[in-house]
Amino acid sequence: MEELVKKIDNFNKGRNWDQFHSAENLVKSISIEAGELLECFQWNYDYDLNEVKDELADVINYCIQLAIKLEVDPKEIVIEKMKKTAKKYPIEKAYGKSTKYTKLGDK
């Protein structure tokens, strides 16, 4: 992960693009690219894997750039979020269910 973060950072710095990468602009870009990813599945499940990979790469790239801008470690924040999610969705209540954590209850 660290190597990927460095490659993305060097790529942007080498082109002097960091000047355009405010947190706000990066969040907008993430949303735009996520919309383009969604478009790959808009009308049916017969998607073009190469297009999906390109759009997914764009989303990941902008997310990593935002992490760089905010000076947070992407790996660290994902692991921390997984810990929080694990508490909301314990295996014994959530296994095989898509129910929101607030509705899992003790059933």
PDB file of N, CA and C in Angstrom:
ATOM      1  N   MET A   1       0.830  -1.189   0.000  1.00  0.00           N
ATOM      2  CA  MET A   1       0.000   0.000   0.000  1.00  0.00           C
ATOM      3  C   MET A   1       0.875   1.253   0.000  1.00  0.00           C
ATOM      4  N   GLU A   2       1.904   1.215   0.818  1.00  0.00           N
ATOM      5  CA  GLU A   2       2.809   2.368   0.908  1.00  0.00           C
ATOM      6  C   GLU A   2       3.449   2.682  -0.444  1.00  0.00           C
ATOM      7  N   GLU A   3       3.819   1.637  -1.165  1.00  0.00           N
ATOM      8  CA  GLU A   3       4.424   1.822  -2.485  1.00  0.00           C
ATOM      9  C   GLU A   3       3.429   2.474  -3.457  1.00  0.00           C
ATOM     10  N   LEU A   4       2.182   2.043  -3.414  1.00  0.00           N
ATOM     11  CA  LEU A   4       1.152   2.611  -4.281  1.00  0.00           C
ATOM     12  C   LEU A   4       0.912   4.082  -3.948  1.00  0.00           C
ATOM     13  N   VAL A   5       0.822   4.407  -2.677  1.00  0.00           N
ATOM     14  CA  VAL A   5       0.624   5.791  -2.248  1.00  0.00           C
ATOM     15  C   VAL A   5       1.764   6.663  -2.778  1.00  0.00           C
ATOM     16  N   LYS A   6       2.993   6.184  -2.652  1.00  0.00           N
ATOM     17  CA  LYS A   6       4.155   6.943  -3.141  1.00  0.00           C
ATOM     18  C   LYS A   6       4.107   7.130  -4.648  1.00  0.00           C
ATOM     19  N   LYS A   7       3.727   6.081  -5.381  1.00  0.00           N
ATOM     20  CA  LYS A   7       3.648   6.182  -6.846  1.00  0.00           C
ATOM     21  C   LYS A   7       2.618   7.218  -7.271  1.00  0.00           C
ATOM     22  N   ILE A   8       1.467   7.200  -6.629  1.00  0.00           N
ATOM     23  CA  ILE A   8       0.416   8.160  -6.962  1.00  0.00           C
ATOM     24  C   ILE A   8       0.883   9.573  -6.626  1.00  0.00           C
ATOM     25  N   ASP A   9       1.482   9.749  -5.464  1.00  0.00           N
ATOM     26  CA  ASP A   9       1.967  11.062  -5.044  1.00  0.00           C
ATOM     27  C   ASP A   9       3.037  11.574  -6.006  1.00  0.00           C
ATOM     28  N   ASN A  10       3.980  10.735  -6.365  1.00  0.00           N
ATOM     29  CA  ASN A  10       5.044  11.139  -7.304  1.00  0.00           C
ATOM     30  C   ASN A  10       4.487  11.451  -8.692  1.00  0.00           C
ATOM     31  N   PHE A  11       3.522  10.672  -9.133  1.00  0.00           N
ATOM     32  CA  PHE A  11       2.891  10.893 -10.433  1.00  0.00           C
ATOM     33  C   PHE A  11       2.283  12.301 -10.492  1.00  0.00           C
ATOM     34  N   ASN A  12       1.553  12.663  -9.457  1.00  0.00           N
ATOM     35  CA  ASN A  12       0.893  13.975  -9.427  1.00  0.00           C
ATOM     36  C   ASN A  12       1.884  15.111  -9.235  1.00  0.00           C
ATOM     37  N   LYS A  13       2.858  14.916  -8.374  1.00  0.00           N
ATOM     38  CA  LYS A  13       3.863  15.955  -8.153  1.00  0.00           C
ATOM     39  C   LYS A  13       4.696  16.184  -9.412  1.00  0.00           C
ATOM     40  N   GLY A  14       4.987  15.116 -10.129  1.00  0.00           N
ATOM     41  CA  GLY A  14       5.760  15.224 -11.364  1.00  0.00           C
ATOM     42  C   GLY A  14       5.060  16.048 -12.437  1.00  0.00           C
ATOM     43  N   ARG A  15       3.759  16.163 -12.338  1.00  0.00           N
ATOM     44  CA  ARG A  15       2.970  16.933 -13.308  1.00  0.00           C
ATOM     45  C   ARG A  15       2.475  18.254 -12.727  1.00  0.00           C
ATOM     46  N   ASN A  16       2.882  18.537 -11.479  1.00  0.00           N
ATOM     47  CA  ASN A  16       2.453  19.742 -10.768  1.00  0.00           C
ATOM     48  C   ASN A  16       0.931  19.818 -10.671  1.00  0.00           C
ATOM     49  N   TRP A  17       0.293  18.691 -10.449  1.00  0.00           N
ATOM     50  CA  TRP A  17      -1.165  18.636 -10.345  1.00  0.00           C
ATOM     51  C   TRP A  17      -1.656  18.812  -8.919  1.00  0.00           C
ATOM     52  N   ASP A  18      -0.760  18.703  -7.957  1.00  0.00           N
ATOM     53  CA  ASP A  18      -1.183  18.811  -6.570  1.00  0.00           C
ATOM     54  C   ASP A  18      -1.860  20.155  -6.291  1.00  0.00           C
ATOM     55  N   GLN A  19      -1.486  21.173  -7.048  1.00  0.00           N
ATOM     56  CA  GLN A  19      -2.081  22.499  -6.864  1.00  0.00           C
ATOM     57  C   GLN A  19      -3.596  22.495  -7.095  1.00  0.00           C
ATOM     58  N   PHE A  20      -4.096  21.523  -7.839  1.00  0.00           N
ATOM     59  CA  PHE A  20      -5.525  21.430  -8.130  1.00  0.00           C
ATOM     60  C   PHE A  20      -6.262  20.502  -7.160  1.00  0.00           C
ATOM     61  N   HIS A  21      -5.498  19.819  -6.327  1.00  0.00           N
ATOM     62  CA  HIS A  21      -6.060  18.756  -5.501  1.00  0.00           C
ATOM     63  C   HIS A  21      -6.386  19.213  -4.087  1.00  0.00           C
ATOM     64  N   SER A  22      -7.326  20.125  -3.971  1.00  0.00           N
ATOM     65  CA  SER A  22      -7.831  20.462  -2.639  1.00  0.00           C
ATOM     66  C   SER A  22      -8.679  19.276  -2.179  1.00  0.00           C
ATOM     67  N   ALA A  23      -8.915  19.182  -0.892  1.00  0.00           N
ATOM     68  CA  ALA A  23      -9.770  18.096  -0.391  1.00  0.00           C
ATOM     69  C   ALA A  23     -11.132  18.157  -1.074  1.00  0.00           C
ATOM     70  N   GLU A  24     -11.677  19.358  -1.208  1.00  0.00           N
ATOM     71  CA  GLU A  24     -12.989  19.520  -1.842  1.00  0.00           C
ATOM     72  C   GLU A  24     -12.979  19.010  -3.293  1.00  0.00           C
ATOM     73  N   ASN A  25     -11.964  19.374  -4.049  1.00  0.00           N
ATOM     74  CA  ASN A  25     -11.888  18.922  -5.448  1.00  0.00           C
ATOM     75  C   ASN A  25     -11.721  17.412  -5.545  1.00  0.00           C
ATOM     76  N   LEU A  26     -10.966  16.848  -4.632  1.00  0.00           N
ATOM     77  CA  LEU A  26     -10.775  15.398  -4.648  1.00  0.00           C
ATOM     78  C   LEU A  26     -12.063  14.667  -4.300  1.00  0.00           C
ATOM     79  N   VAL A  27     -12.818  15.182  -3.337  1.00  0.00           N
ATOM     80  CA  VAL A  27     -14.101  14.557  -2.986  1.00  0.00           C
ATOM     81  C   VAL A  27     -15.050  14.629  -4.179  1.00  0.00           C
ATOM     82  N   LYS A  28     -15.070  15.751  -4.863  1.00  0.00           N
ATOM     83  CA  LYS A  28     -15.898  15.878  -6.079  1.00  0.00           C
ATOM     84  C   LYS A  28     -15.464  14.844  -7.117  1.00  0.00           C
ATOM     85  N   SER A  29     -14.170  14.703  -7.285  1.00  0.00           N
ATOM     86  CA  SER A  29     -13.648  13.748  -8.273  1.00  0.00           C
ATOM     87  C   SER A  29     -14.002  12.317  -7.910  1.00  0.00           C
ATOM     88  N   ILE A  30     -13.955  11.983  -6.628  1.00  0.00           N
ATOM     89  CA  ILE A  30     -14.346  10.642  -6.181  1.00  0.00           C
ATOM     90  C   ILE A  30     -15.798  10.387  -6.563  1.00  0.00           C
ATOM     91  N   SER A  31     -16.648  11.354  -6.296  1.00  0.00           N
ATOM     92  CA  SER A  31     -18.074  11.206  -6.602  1.00  0.00           C
ATOM     93  C   SER A  31     -18.311  11.068  -8.101  1.00  0.00           C
ATOM     94  N   ILE A  32     -17.636  11.874  -8.878  1.00  0.00           N
ATOM     95  CA  ILE A  32     -17.772  11.819 -10.342  1.00  0.00           C
ATOM     96  C   ILE A  32     -17.336  10.452 -10.865  1.00  0.00           C
ATOM     97  N   GLU A  33     -16.175  10.001 -10.415  1.00  0.00           N
ATOM     98  CA  GLU A  33     -15.666   8.710 -10.885  1.00  0.00           C
ATOM     99  C   GLU A  33     -16.534   7.552 -10.388  1.00  0.00           C
ATOM    100  N   ALA A  34     -17.077   7.660  -9.176  1.00  0.00           N
ATOM    101  CA  ALA A  34     -17.981   6.615  -8.678  1.00  0.00           C
ATOM    102  C   ALA A  34     -19.231   6.563  -9.551  1.00  0.00           C
ATOM    103  N   GLY A  35     -19.696   7.713 -10.004  1.00  0.00           N
ATOM    104  CA  GLY A  35     -20.829   7.754 -10.925  1.00  0.00           C
ATOM    105  C   GLY A  35     -20.504   7.078 -12.246  1.00  0.00           C
ATOM    106  N   GLU A  36     -19.294   7.276 -12.729  1.00  0.00           N
ATOM    107  CA  GLU A  36     -18.878   6.626 -13.971  1.00  0.00           C
ATOM    108  C   GLU A  36     -18.764   5.117 -13.780  1.00  0.00           C
ATOM    109  N   LEU A  37     -18.336   4.691 -12.605  1.00  0.00           N
ATOM    110  CA  LEU A  37     -18.288   3.264 -12.286  1.00  0.00           C
ATOM    111  C   LEU A  37     -19.701   2.691 -12.266  1.00  0.00           C
ATOM    112  N   LEU A  38     -20.613   3.400 -11.646  1.00  0.00           N
ATOM    113  CA  LEU A  38     -22.005   2.976 -11.586  1.00  0.00           C
ATOM    114  C   LEU A  38     -22.622   2.880 -12.980  1.00  0.00           C
ATOM    115  N   GLU A  39     -22.219   3.791 -13.845  1.00  0.00           N
ATOM    116  CA  GLU A  39     -22.734   3.797 -15.208  1.00  0.00           C
ATOM    117  C   GLU A  39     -22.420   2.486 -15.947  1.00  0.00           C
ATOM    118  N   CYS A  40     -21.316   1.851 -15.576  1.00  0.00           N
ATOM    119  CA  CYS A  40     -20.946   0.567 -16.197  1.00  0.00           C
ATOM    120  C   CYS A  40     -22.020  -0.503 -15.959  1.00  0.00           C
ATOM    121  N   PHE A  41     -22.822  -0.318 -14.917  1.00  0.00           N
ATOM    122  CA  PHE A  41     -23.847  -1.294 -14.546  1.00  0.00           C
ATOM    123  C   PHE A  41     -25.259  -0.739 -14.721  1.00  0.00           C
ATOM    124  N   GLN A  42     -25.380   0.387 -15.407  1.00  0.00           N
ATOM    125  CA  GLN A  42     -26.637   1.123 -15.440  1.00  0.00           C
ATOM    126  C   GLN A  42     -27.826   0.329 -15.954  1.00  0.00           C
ATOM    127  N   TRP A  43     -27.690  -0.373 -17.055  1.00  0.00           N
ATOM    128  CA  TRP A  43     -28.861  -0.986 -17.673  1.00  0.00           C
ATOM    129  C   TRP A  43     -28.933  -2.485 -17.536  1.00  0.00           C
ATOM    130  N   ASN A  44     -27.810  -3.117 -17.251  1.00  0.00           N
ATOM    131  CA  ASN A  44     -27.840  -4.572 -17.095  1.00  0.00           C
ATOM    132  C   ASN A  44     -26.557  -5.037 -16.417  1.00  0.00           C
ATOM    133  N   TYR A  45     -26.462  -6.330 -16.242  1.00  0.00           N
ATOM    134  CA  TYR A  45     -25.280  -6.895 -15.586  1.00  0.00           C
ATOM    135  C   TYR A  45     -24.215  -7.330 -16.586  1.00  0.00           C
ATOM    136  N   ASP A  46     -24.434  -7.016 -17.829  1.00  0.00           N
ATOM    137  CA  ASP A  46     -23.487  -7.368 -18.883  1.00  0.00           C
ATOM    138  C   ASP A  46     -22.466  -6.235 -19.018  1.00  0.00           C
ATOM    139  N   TYR A  47     -21.555  -6.160 -18.068  1.00  0.00           N
ATOM    140  CA  TYR A  47     -20.608  -5.057 -18.034  1.00  0.00           C
ATOM    141  C   TYR A  47     -19.313  -5.414 -18.749  1.00  0.00           C
ATOM    142  N   ASP A  48     -18.589  -4.383 -19.145  1.00  0.00           N
ATOM    143  CA  ASP A  48     -17.277  -4.528 -19.765  1.00  0.00           C
ATOM    144  C   ASP A  48     -16.239  -4.471 -18.640  1.00  0.00           C
ATOM    145  N   LEU A  49     -15.598  -5.580 -18.365  1.00  0.00           N
ATOM    146  CA  LEU A  49     -14.663  -5.664 -17.244  1.00  0.00           C
ATOM    147  C   LEU A  49     -13.543  -4.634 -17.357  1.00  0.00           C
ATOM    148  N   ASN A  50     -13.055  -4.382 -18.554  1.00  0.00           N
ATOM    149  CA  ASN A  50     -11.978  -3.398 -18.716  1.00  0.00           C
ATOM    150  C   ASN A  50     -12.442  -1.997 -18.338  1.00  0.00           C
ATOM    151  N   GLU A  51     -13.658  -1.643 -18.720  1.00  0.00           N
ATOM    152  CA  GLU A  51     -14.207  -0.341 -18.332  1.00  0.00           C
ATOM    153  C   GLU A  51     -14.378  -0.260 -16.816  1.00  0.00           C
ATOM    154  N   VAL A  52     -14.885  -1.323 -16.224  1.00  0.00           N
ATOM    155  CA  VAL A  52     -15.074  -1.360 -14.768  1.00  0.00           C
ATOM    156  C   VAL A  52     -13.734  -1.193 -14.060  1.00  0.00           C
ATOM    157  N   LYS A  53     -12.717  -1.893 -14.528  1.00  0.00           N
ATOM    158  CA  LYS A  53     -11.393  -1.792 -13.912  1.00  0.00           C
ATOM    159  C   LYS A  53     -10.849  -0.373 -14.006  1.00  0.00           C
ATOM    160  N   ASP A  54     -11.019   0.273 -15.164  1.00  0.00           N
ATOM    161  CA  ASP A  54     -10.545   1.649 -15.328  1.00  0.00           C
ATOM    162  C   ASP A  54     -11.251   2.600 -14.372  1.00  0.00           C
ATOM    163  N   GLU A  55     -12.563   2.486 -14.275  1.00  0.00           N
ATOM    164  CA  GLU A  55     -13.314   3.382 -13.402  1.00  0.00           C
ATOM    165  C   GLU A  55     -13.027   3.093 -11.933  1.00  0.00           C
ATOM    166  N   LEU A  56     -12.905   1.824 -11.579  1.00  0.00           N
ATOM    167  CA  LEU A  56     -12.561   1.456 -10.209  1.00  0.00           C
ATOM    168  C   LEU A  56     -11.180   2.007  -9.847  1.00  0.00           C
ATOM    169  N   ALA A  57     -10.239   1.921 -10.779  1.00  0.00           N
ATOM    170  CA  ALA A  57      -8.895   2.464 -10.552  1.00  0.00           C
ATOM    171  C   ALA A  57      -8.959   3.973 -10.317  1.00  0.00           C
ATOM    172  N   ASP A  58      -9.807   4.669 -11.080  1.00  0.00           N
ATOM    173  CA  ASP A  58      -9.952   6.112 -10.885  1.00  0.00           C
ATOM    174  C   ASP A  58     -10.475   6.434  -9.493  1.00  0.00           C
ATOM    175  N   VAL A  59     -11.479   5.680  -9.037  1.00  0.00           N
ATOM    176  CA  VAL A  59     -12.046   5.905  -7.699  1.00  0.00           C
ATOM    177  C   VAL A  59     -10.968   5.664  -6.640  1.00  0.00           C
ATOM    178  N   ILE A  60     -10.270   4.553  -6.740  1.00  0.00           N
ATOM    179  CA  ILE A  60      -9.219   4.228  -5.768  1.00  0.00           C
ATOM    180  C   ILE A  60      -8.128   5.291  -5.786  1.00  0.00           C
ATOM    181  N   ASN A  61      -7.728   5.708  -6.979  1.00  0.00           N
ATOM    182  CA  ASN A  61      -6.686   6.717  -7.134  1.00  0.00           C
ATOM    183  C   ASN A  61      -7.078   8.011  -6.412  1.00  0.00           C
ATOM    184  N   TYR A  62      -8.279   8.500  -6.659  1.00  0.00           N
ATOM    185  CA  TYR A  62      -8.709   9.744  -6.011  1.00  0.00           C
ATOM    186  C   TYR A  62      -8.861   9.573  -4.503  1.00  0.00           C
ATOM    187  N   CYS A  63      -9.304   8.406  -4.052  1.00  0.00           N
ATOM    188  CA  CYS A  63      -9.401   8.159  -2.612  1.00  0.00           C
ATOM    189  C   CYS A  63      -8.018   8.210  -1.964  1.00  0.00           C
ATOM    190  N   ILE A  64      -7.045   7.629  -2.613  1.00  0.00           N
ATOM    191  CA  ILE A  64      -5.684   7.661  -2.079  1.00  0.00           C
ATOM    192  C   ILE A  64      -5.135   9.083  -2.093  1.00  0.00           C
ATOM    193  N   GLN A  65      -5.435   9.825  -3.162  1.00  0.00           N
ATOM    194  CA  GLN A  65      -4.991  11.221  -3.204  1.00  0.00           C
ATOM    195  C   GLN A  65      -5.610  12.039  -2.071  1.00  0.00           C
ATOM    196  N   LEU A  66      -6.867  11.775  -1.752  1.00  0.00           N
ATOM    197  CA  LEU A  66      -7.515  12.466  -0.642  1.00  0.00           C
ATOM    198  C   LEU A  66      -6.835  12.101   0.678  1.00  0.00           C
ATOM    199  N   ALA A  67      -6.496  10.837   0.845  1.00  0.00           N
ATOM    200  CA  ALA A  67      -5.788  10.415   2.056  1.00  0.00           C
ATOM    201  C   ALA A  67      -4.445  11.133   2.170  1.00  0.00           C
ATOM    202  N   ILE A  68      -3.752  11.271   1.056  1.00  0.00           N
ATOM    203  CA  ILE A  68      -2.474  11.997   1.052  1.00  0.00           C
ATOM    204  C   ILE A  68      -2.704  13.448   1.482  1.00  0.00           C
ATOM    205  N   LYS A  69      -3.717  14.073   0.885  1.00  0.00           N
ATOM    206  CA  LYS A  69      -4.023  15.480   1.188  1.00  0.00           C
ATOM    207  C   LYS A  69      -4.370  15.661   2.668  1.00  0.00           C
ATOM    208  N   LEU A  70      -5.122  14.720   3.231  1.00  0.00           N
ATOM    209  CA  LEU A  70      -5.536  14.806   4.634  1.00  0.00           C
ATOM    210  C   LEU A  70      -4.478  14.283   5.603  1.00  0.00           C
ATOM    211  N   GLU A  71      -3.382  13.759   5.022  1.00  0.00           N
ATOM    212  CA  GLU A  71      -2.276  13.206   5.807  1.00  0.00           C
ATOM    213  C   GLU A  71      -2.726  12.069   6.715  1.00  0.00           C
ATOM    214  N   VAL A  72      -3.509  11.156   6.127  1.00  0.00           N
ATOM    215  CA  VAL A  72      -3.922   9.949   6.844  1.00  0.00           C
ATOM    216  C   VAL A  72      -3.448   8.733   6.054  1.00  0.00           C
ATOM    217  N   ASP A  73      -3.216   7.654   6.757  1.00  0.00           N
ATOM    218  CA  ASP A  73      -2.759   6.412   6.142  1.00  0.00           C
ATOM    219  C   ASP A  73      -3.981   5.612   5.688  1.00  0.00           C
ATOM    220  N   PRO A  74      -4.138   5.380   4.372  1.00  0.00           N
ATOM    221  CA  PRO A  74      -5.317   4.663   3.878  1.00  0.00           C
ATOM    222  C   PRO A  74      -5.510   3.300   4.532  1.00  0.00           C
ATOM    223  N   LYS A  75      -4.437   2.561   4.663  1.00  0.00           N
ATOM    224  CA  LYS A  75      -4.519   1.231   5.271  1.00  0.00           C
ATOM    225  C   LYS A  75      -5.016   1.330   6.709  1.00  0.00           C
ATOM    226  N   GLU A  76      -4.477   2.272   7.441  1.00  0.00           N
ATOM    227  CA  GLU A  76      -4.850   2.467   8.843  1.00  0.00           C
ATOM    228  C   GLU A  76      -6.323   2.831   8.992  1.00  0.00           C
ATOM    229  N   ILE A  77      -6.811   3.754   8.170  1.00  0.00           N
ATOM    230  CA  ILE A  77      -8.199   4.189   8.331  1.00  0.00           C
ATOM    231  C   ILE A  77      -9.186   3.104   7.908  1.00  0.00           C
ATOM    232  N   VAL A  78      -8.802   2.284   6.943  1.00  0.00           N
ATOM    233  CA  VAL A  78      -9.678   1.173   6.542  1.00  0.00           C
ATOM    234  C   VAL A  78      -9.744   0.137   7.661  1.00  0.00           C
ATOM    235  N   ILE A  79      -8.609  -0.181   8.258  1.00  0.00           N
ATOM    236  CA  ILE A  79      -8.586  -1.155   9.363  1.00  0.00           C
ATOM    237  C   ILE A  79      -9.399  -0.632  10.552  1.00  0.00           C
ATOM    238  N   GLU A  80      -9.240   0.646  10.875  1.00  0.00           N
ATOM    239  CA  GLU A  80     -10.002   1.236  11.983  1.00  0.00           C
ATOM    240  C   GLU A  80     -11.503   1.181  11.698  1.00  0.00           C
ATOM    241  N   LYS A  81     -11.906   1.476  10.477  1.00  0.00           N
ATOM    242  CA  LYS A  81     -13.321   1.430  10.121  1.00  0.00           C
ATOM    243  C   LYS A  81     -13.851  -0.001  10.177  1.00  0.00           C
ATOM    244  N   MET A  82     -13.045  -0.966   9.773  1.00  0.00           N
ATOM    245  CA  MET A  82     -13.457  -2.370   9.844  1.00  0.00           C
ATOM    246  C   MET A  82     -13.693  -2.787  11.296  1.00  0.00           C
ATOM    247  N   LYS A  83     -12.880  -2.278  12.218  1.00  0.00           N
ATOM    248  CA  LYS A  83     -13.065  -2.585  13.650  1.00  0.00           C
ATOM    249  C   LYS A  83     -14.401  -2.034  14.130  1.00  0.00           C
ATOM    250  N   LYS A  84     -14.719  -0.803  13.742  1.00  0.00           N
ATOM    251  CA  LYS A  84     -15.998  -0.199  14.130  1.00  0.00           C
ATOM    252  C   LYS A  84     -17.167  -0.985  13.534  1.00  0.00           C
ATOM    253  N   THR A  85     -17.027  -1.371  12.267  1.00  0.00           N
ATOM    254  CA  THR A  85     -18.083  -2.109  11.589  1.00  0.00           C
ATOM    255  C   THR A  85     -18.273  -3.487  12.205  1.00  0.00           C
ATOM    256  N   ALA A  86     -17.188  -4.118  12.618  1.00  0.00           N
ATOM    257  CA  ALA A  86     -17.273  -5.439  13.258  1.00  0.00           C
ATOM    258  C   ALA A  86     -18.078  -5.365  14.546  1.00  0.00           C
ATOM    259  N   LYS A  87     -17.976  -4.260  15.281  1.00  0.00           N
ATOM    260  CA  LYS A  87     -18.758  -4.096  16.507  1.00  0.00           C
ATOM    261  C   LYS A  87     -20.240  -3.932  16.195  1.00  0.00           C
ATOM    262  N   LYS A  88     -20.548  -3.220  15.109  1.00  0.00           N
ATOM    263  CA  LYS A  88     -21.949  -3.028  14.709  1.00  0.00           C
ATOM    264  C   LYS A  88     -22.559  -4.309  14.158  1.00  0.00           C
ATOM    265  N   TYR A  89     -21.721  -5.106  13.509  1.00  0.00           N
ATOM    266  CA  TYR A  89     -22.188  -6.322  12.832  1.00  0.00           C
ATOM    267  C   TYR A  89     -21.445  -7.549  13.349  1.00  0.00           C
ATOM    268  N   PRO A  90     -21.692  -7.952  14.594  1.00  0.00           N
ATOM    269  CA  PRO A  90     -21.012  -9.157  15.088  1.00  0.00           C
ATOM    270  C   PRO A  90     -21.441 -10.372  14.259  1.00  0.00           C
ATOM    271  N   ILE A  91     -20.536 -11.273  14.042  1.00  0.00           N
ATOM    272  CA  ILE A  91     -20.783 -12.438  13.195  1.00  0.00           C
ATOM    273  C   ILE A  91     -22.036 -13.185  13.624  1.00  0.00           C
ATOM    274  N   GLU A  92     -22.210 -13.378  14.923  1.00  0.00           N
ATOM    275  CA  GLU A  92     -23.344 -14.171  15.399  1.00  0.00           C
ATOM    276  C   GLU A  92     -24.703 -13.530  15.084  1.00  0.00           C
ATOM    277  N   LYS A  93     -24.729 -12.212  14.843  1.00  0.00           N
ATOM    278  CA  LYS A  93     -25.994 -11.552  14.494  1.00  0.00           C
ATOM    279  C   LYS A  93     -26.100 -11.245  12.994  1.00  0.00           C
ATOM    280  N   ALA A  94     -24.979 -11.030  12.359  1.00  0.00           N
ATOM    281  CA  ALA A  94     -24.997 -10.518  10.989  1.00  0.00           C
ATOM    282  C   ALA A  94     -24.691 -11.556   9.916  1.00  0.00           C
ATOM    283  N   TYR A  95     -24.244 -12.718  10.313  1.00  0.00           N
ATOM    284  CA  TYR A  95     -23.816 -13.718   9.339  1.00  0.00           C
ATOM    285  C   TYR A  95     -24.918 -14.018   8.316  1.00  0.00           C
ATOM    286  N   GLY A  96     -24.614 -13.796   7.057  1.00  0.00           N
ATOM    287  CA  GLY A  96     -25.538 -14.106   5.971  1.00  0.00           C
ATOM    288  C   GLY A  96     -26.724 -13.162   5.852  1.00  0.00           C
ATOM    289  N   LYS A  97     -26.666 -12.026   6.557  1.00  0.00           N
ATOM    290  CA  LYS A  97     -27.783 -11.080   6.537  1.00  0.00           C
ATOM    291  C   LYS A  97     -27.330  -9.743   5.961  1.00  0.00           C
ATOM    292  N   SER A  98     -28.235  -9.076   5.272  1.00  0.00           N
ATOM    293  CA  SER A  98     -27.937  -7.738   4.766  1.00  0.00           C
ATOM    294  C   SER A  98     -28.661  -6.663   5.574  1.00  0.00           C
ATOM    295  N   THR A  99     -29.229  -7.057   6.691  1.00  0.00           N
ATOM    296  CA  THR A  99     -29.989  -6.168   7.557  1.00  0.00           C
ATOM    297  C   THR A  99     -29.084  -5.087   8.152  1.00  0.00           C
ATOM    298  N   LYS A 100     -29.599  -3.853   8.224  1.00  0.00           N
ATOM    299  CA  LYS A 100     -28.845  -2.779   8.847  1.00  0.00           C
ATOM    300  C   LYS A 100     -28.633  -3.098  10.325  1.00  0.00           C
ATOM    301  N   TYR A 101     -27.492  -2.705  10.861  1.00  0.00           N
ATOM    302  CA  TYR A 101     -27.117  -3.059  12.237  1.00  0.00           C
ATOM    303  C   TYR A 101     -28.148  -2.620  13.273  1.00  0.00           C
ATOM    304  N   THR A 102     -28.845  -1.529  13.003  1.00  0.00           N
ATOM    305  CA  THR A 102     -29.848  -1.046  13.963  1.00  0.00           C
ATOM    306  C   THR A 102     -31.069  -1.958  14.028  1.00  0.00           C
ATOM    307  N   LYS A 103     -31.194  -2.852  13.068  1.00  0.00           N
ATOM    308  CA  LYS A 103     -32.361  -3.754  13.027  1.00  0.00           C
ATOM    309  C   LYS A 103     -31.989  -5.209  13.238  1.00  0.00           C
ATOM    310  N   LEU A 104     -30.748  -5.475  13.578  1.00  0.00           N
ATOM    311  CA  LEU A 104     -30.346  -6.859  13.803  1.00  0.00           C
ATOM    312  C   LEU A 104     -30.950  -7.428  15.073  1.00  0.00           C
ATOM    313  N   GLY A 105     -30.986  -6.616  16.112  1.00  0.00           N
ATOM    314  CA  GLY A 105     -31.604  -7.043  17.374  1.00  0.00           C
ATOM    315  C   GLY A 105     -31.004  -8.326  17.900  1.00  0.00           C
ATOM    316  N   ASP A 106     -31.749  -8.960  18.794  1.00  0.00           N
ATOM    317  CA  ASP A 106     -31.310 -10.204  19.426  1.00  0.00           C
ATOM    318  C   ASP A 106     -32.084 -11.398  18.918  1.00  0.00           C
ATOM    319  N   LYS A 107     -32.688 -11.280  17.752  1.00  0.00           N
ATOM    320  CA  LYS A 107     -33.505 -12.367  17.205  1.00  0.00           C
ATOM    321  C   LYS A 107     -32.674 -13.508  16.722  1.00  0.00           C
TER     322      LYS A 107
END
